[in-house]
Amino acid sequence: MNTGDLSVDALLEKVRACTLCAAHLPHGVRPVLQVHPAARILMAGQAPGSKVHQSGIPFDDASGERLREWMGIDRETFYDATRIAILPMGFCYPGTGKSGDLAPRTECAPAWREQVLAQMPKIELILLIGQYAQVWHLGELNQTTLTANVQAWRTHWPAMLPLPHPSPRNNIWLKKNDWFADDVLPTLKERVQQILQRD
């Protein structure tokens, strides 16, 4: 293990011991992320759902199945931390509201995000999954809606790609925006394969 690995391990130990949002997490603290300094592709998601909170495995649900399909990779590749990093905006399950899961806790990203990202210097492609990741990573280039961000995907390509959330809740969006499957996904799959083949 080299010095870089040790610093990553030390940081992850701190992240997993974090209780910053504990008073606001109805199901308790359980940070879920996947980080390695060799990773080349980053999933910038929102926050774990209830199933992921139970298993401790990121995207261990229907959303993960669809995301892997969009990327054109299998489960084994997806969970290889030396290739794929998974860093949600909020590391813990925030609980459920009236219309689904609550938003990621706002304390998490300012406390940890830049520190963790700094440990992954080889990232070539960041998939911005959902509006919270898009607001953070796109900055002034962020559009007024998620749909507008995804439509403007070429503006950020090939370093970043705004995506809708792969949740089954977004089936209506996917049907209304068939250009996404026709134009965006083939390009995404090709780029993912190009990056992974260089490992």
Protein backbone atom coordinates (compact mmCIF):
# COMPACT_ATOMS: atom_id res chain seq x y z
CA MET A 1 0.00 0.00 0.00
CA ASN A 2 1.46 3.36 -1.00
CA THR A 3 1.20 6.71 0.74
CA GLY A 4 -1.74 7.75 -1.47
CA ASP A 5 -3.70 4.68 -0.41
CA LEU A 6 -2.96 5.41 3.24
CA SER A 7 -4.26 8.97 2.95
CA VAL A 8 -7.40 7.73 1.21
CA ASP A 9 -7.92 5.10 3.89
CA ALA A 10 -7.47 7.66 6.66
CA LEU A 11 -9.95 10.03 5.03
CA LEU A 12 -12.52 7.28 4.48
CA GLU A 13 -12.17 6.28 8.11
CA LYS A 14 -13.07 9.83 9.09
CA VAL A 15 -15.97 9.93 6.64
CA ARG A 16 -17.40 6.68 7.97
CA ALA A 17 -17.15 7.99 11.52
CA CYS A 18 -18.91 11.26 10.64
CA THR A 19 -21.96 12.18 12.75
CA LEU A 20 -22.44 15.71 11.39
CA CYS A 21 -26.04 15.02 10.29
CA ALA A 22 -26.90 12.34 12.84
CA ALA A 23 -29.66 14.36 14.52
CA HIS A 24 -31.44 14.74 11.15
CA LEU A 25 -31.17 11.13 9.92
CA PRO A 26 -34.23 9.15 11.03
CA HIS A 27 -32.62 5.81 10.09
CA GLY A 28 -29.20 6.53 11.55
CA VAL A 29 -25.75 7.20 10.15
CA ARG A 30 -24.38 4.92 7.43
CA PRO A 31 -22.17 6.66 4.86
CA VAL A 32 -22.15 4.78 1.54
CA LEU A 33 -19.49 5.59 -1.05
CA GLN A 34 -16.85 3.89 -3.22
CA VAL A 35 -13.46 5.60 -3.58
CA HIS A 36 -10.02 4.64 -4.90
CA PRO A 37 -7.18 6.84 -6.21
CA ALA A 38 -6.96 4.79 -9.43
CA ALA A 39 -10.63 5.30 -10.41
CA ARG A 40 -11.21 6.93 -13.80
CA ILE A 41 -15.01 7.28 -13.83
CA LEU A 42 -17.01 8.99 -11.08
CA MET A 43 -20.70 8.59 -10.31
CA ALA A 44 -21.79 11.83 -8.66
CA GLY A 45 -25.19 10.85 -7.29
CA GLN A 46 -27.69 12.25 -4.80
CA ALA A 47 -27.93 10.15 -1.62
CA PRO A 48 -28.46 6.48 -0.76
CA GLY A 49 -32.01 5.13 -0.77
CA SER A 50 -33.50 2.79 1.82
CA LYS A 51 -32.27 -0.42 0.16
CA VAL A 52 -28.74 0.94 -0.17
CA HIS A 53 -28.86 2.05 3.47
CA GLN A 54 -29.66 -1.53 4.45
CA SER A 55 -27.02 -3.22 2.28
CA GLY A 56 -24.28 -0.59 2.45
CA ILE A 57 -23.69 -1.13 -1.30
CA PRO A 58 -24.11 1.96 -3.53
CA PHE A 59 -26.74 1.73 -6.27
CA ASP A 60 -27.76 -1.71 -5.00
CA ASP A 61 -31.28 -1.27 -6.36
CA ALA A 62 -33.31 -0.82 -9.56
CA SER A 63 -31.62 2.54 -10.17
CA GLY A 64 -28.24 0.82 -10.18
CA GLU A 65 -29.41 -1.80 -12.67
CA ARG A 66 -30.55 0.91 -15.07
CA LEU A 67 -27.39 2.96 -14.55
CA ARG A 68 -25.19 -0.02 -15.39
CA GLU A 69 -27.31 -0.60 -18.50
CA TRP A 70 -26.85 3.04 -19.53
CA MET A 71 -23.09 2.67 -19.13
CA GLY A 72 -22.90 -0.71 -20.84
CA ILE A 73 -21.04 -2.39 -17.98
CA ASP A 74 -21.69 -5.35 -15.70
CA ARG A 75 -22.06 -5.42 -11.94
CA GLU A 76 -18.51 -6.66 -11.36
CA THR A 77 -17.00 -3.73 -13.28
CA PHE A 78 -19.32 -1.24 -11.59
CA TYR A 79 -18.20 -2.31 -8.12
CA ASP A 80 -14.49 -2.36 -8.97
CA ALA A 81 -13.36 0.69 -6.97
CA THR A 82 -10.11 0.91 -8.94
CA ARG A 83 -12.20 1.72 -12.03
CA ILE A 84 -15.46 3.28 -10.84
CA ALA A 85 -15.86 5.75 -7.96
CA ILE A 86 -19.28 6.45 -6.42
CA LEU A 87 -19.62 9.68 -4.48
CA PRO A 88 -23.14 10.90 -3.65
CA MET A 89 -23.85 14.48 -2.61
CA GLY A 90 -25.04 13.13 0.72
CA PHE A 91 -23.36 9.97 2.01
CA CYS A 92 -26.25 8.82 4.25
CA TYR A 93 -29.89 7.95 3.60
CA PRO A 94 -31.87 11.12 4.41
CA GLY A 95 -35.22 9.41 4.91
CA THR A 96 -38.51 9.68 3.03
CA GLY A 97 -40.84 12.63 2.49
CA LYS A 98 -44.28 13.00 0.91
CA SER A 99 -43.08 12.47 -2.66
CA GLY A 100 -40.14 10.10 -2.22
CA ASP A 101 -36.71 10.28 -0.63
CA LEU A 102 -35.70 13.56 0.96
CA ALA A 103 -32.95 15.71 -0.51
CA PRO A 104 -29.34 14.97 0.47
CA ARG A 105 -28.31 16.66 3.70
CA THR A 106 -26.70 19.99 2.87
CA GLU A 107 -23.95 19.61 5.49
CA CYS A 108 -22.29 16.64 3.80
CA ALA A 109 -20.87 18.01 0.55
CA PRO A 110 -19.22 21.14 2.02
CA ALA A 111 -17.64 19.03 4.77
CA TRP A 112 -16.24 16.21 2.65
CA ARG A 113 -16.64 16.51 -1.11
CA GLU A 114 -13.53 18.48 -2.09
CA GLN A 115 -11.33 16.40 0.24
CA VAL A 116 -12.52 13.11 -1.26
CA LEU A 117 -12.37 14.33 -4.87
CA ALA A 118 -8.78 15.46 -4.30
CA GLN A 119 -7.85 11.83 -3.60
CA MET A 120 -8.93 10.76 -7.12
CA PRO A 121 -6.66 12.59 -9.59
CA LYS A 122 -7.24 10.16 -12.48
CA ILE A 123 -10.96 10.82 -12.95
CA GLU A 124 -11.69 11.38 -16.67
CA LEU A 125 -15.48 11.32 -16.70
CA ILE A 126 -17.98 12.47 -14.07
CA LEU A 127 -21.59 11.35 -14.43
CA LEU A 128 -23.80 13.97 -12.79
CA ILE A 129 -26.83 12.02 -11.65
CA GLY A 130 -29.72 14.28 -10.66
CA GLN A 131 -30.09 17.98 -9.95
CA TYR A 132 -28.08 18.18 -6.70
CA ALA A 133 -24.90 16.83 -8.32
CA GLN A 134 -25.45 19.05 -11.33
CA VAL A 135 -25.80 22.22 -9.26
CA TRP A 136 -22.56 21.44 -7.39
CA HIS A 137 -20.40 20.39 -10.33
CA LEU A 138 -21.68 22.63 -13.12
CA GLY A 139 -21.58 25.84 -11.10
CA GLU A 140 -22.43 28.84 -13.29
CA LEU A 141 -23.15 26.55 -16.24
CA ASN A 142 -26.02 24.90 -14.37
CA GLN A 143 -29.35 25.39 -16.18
CA THR A 144 -32.73 26.15 -14.62
CA THR A 145 -33.97 22.56 -14.99
CA LEU A 146 -32.51 19.08 -15.05
CA THR A 147 -33.90 18.55 -18.55
CA ALA A 148 -32.09 21.66 -19.80
CA ASN A 149 -28.85 20.38 -18.27
CA VAL A 150 -29.18 17.02 -19.98
CA GLN A 151 -30.10 18.67 -23.29
CA ALA A 152 -26.92 20.78 -23.04
CA TRP A 153 -24.76 17.72 -22.37
CA ARG A 154 -22.36 18.46 -25.23
CA THR A 155 -21.32 21.67 -23.43
CA HIS A 156 -19.66 19.61 -20.71
CA TRP A 157 -18.54 16.62 -22.78
CA PRO A 158 -16.28 14.66 -22.52
CA ALA A 159 -15.32 15.54 -18.93
CA MET A 160 -18.83 15.56 -17.44
CA LEU A 161 -22.26 14.27 -18.42
CA PRO A 162 -25.49 15.45 -16.75
CA LEU A 163 -27.97 12.58 -16.43
CA PRO A 164 -31.51 12.17 -15.15
CA HIS A 165 -31.77 9.94 -12.12
CA PRO A 166 -32.03 6.29 -13.30
CA SER A 167 -34.83 5.59 -10.81
CA PRO A 168 -38.02 3.89 -12.09
CA ARG A 169 -39.75 7.09 -10.92
CA ASN A 170 -38.26 8.73 -14.02
CA ASN A 171 -39.87 6.39 -16.56
CA ILE A 172 -42.24 9.16 -17.67
CA TRP A 173 -39.30 11.53 -18.25
CA LEU A 174 -37.48 8.90 -20.30
CA LYS A 175 -40.56 8.29 -22.48
CA LYS A 176 -41.06 12.01 -23.07
CA ASN A 177 -37.38 12.53 -23.91
CA ASP A 178 -36.57 9.67 -26.27
CA TRP A 179 -33.64 11.67 -27.68
CA PHE A 180 -31.78 10.76 -24.48
CA ALA A 181 -31.68 7.04 -25.35
CA ASP A 182 -31.03 7.74 -29.02
CA ASP A 183 -28.32 10.40 -28.75
CA VAL A 184 -26.77 10.41 -25.29
CA LEU A 185 -26.57 6.77 -24.22
CA PRO A 186 -24.65 5.41 -27.26
CA THR A 187 -22.04 8.15 -26.77
CA LEU A 188 -21.83 7.42 -23.05
CA LYS A 189 -21.32 3.68 -23.60
CA GLU A 190 -18.58 4.32 -26.14
CA ARG A 191 -16.74 6.72 -23.83
CA VAL A 192 -17.00 4.35 -20.86
CA GLN A 193 -15.51 1.52 -22.91
CA GLN A 194 -12.67 3.74 -24.16
CA ILE A 195 -11.75 4.71 -20.61
CA LEU A 196 -12.00 1.23 -19.12
CA GLN A 197 -10.00 -0.39 -21.90
CA ARG A 198 -6.99 1.73 -20.92
CA ASP A 199 -6.89 0.20 -17.42
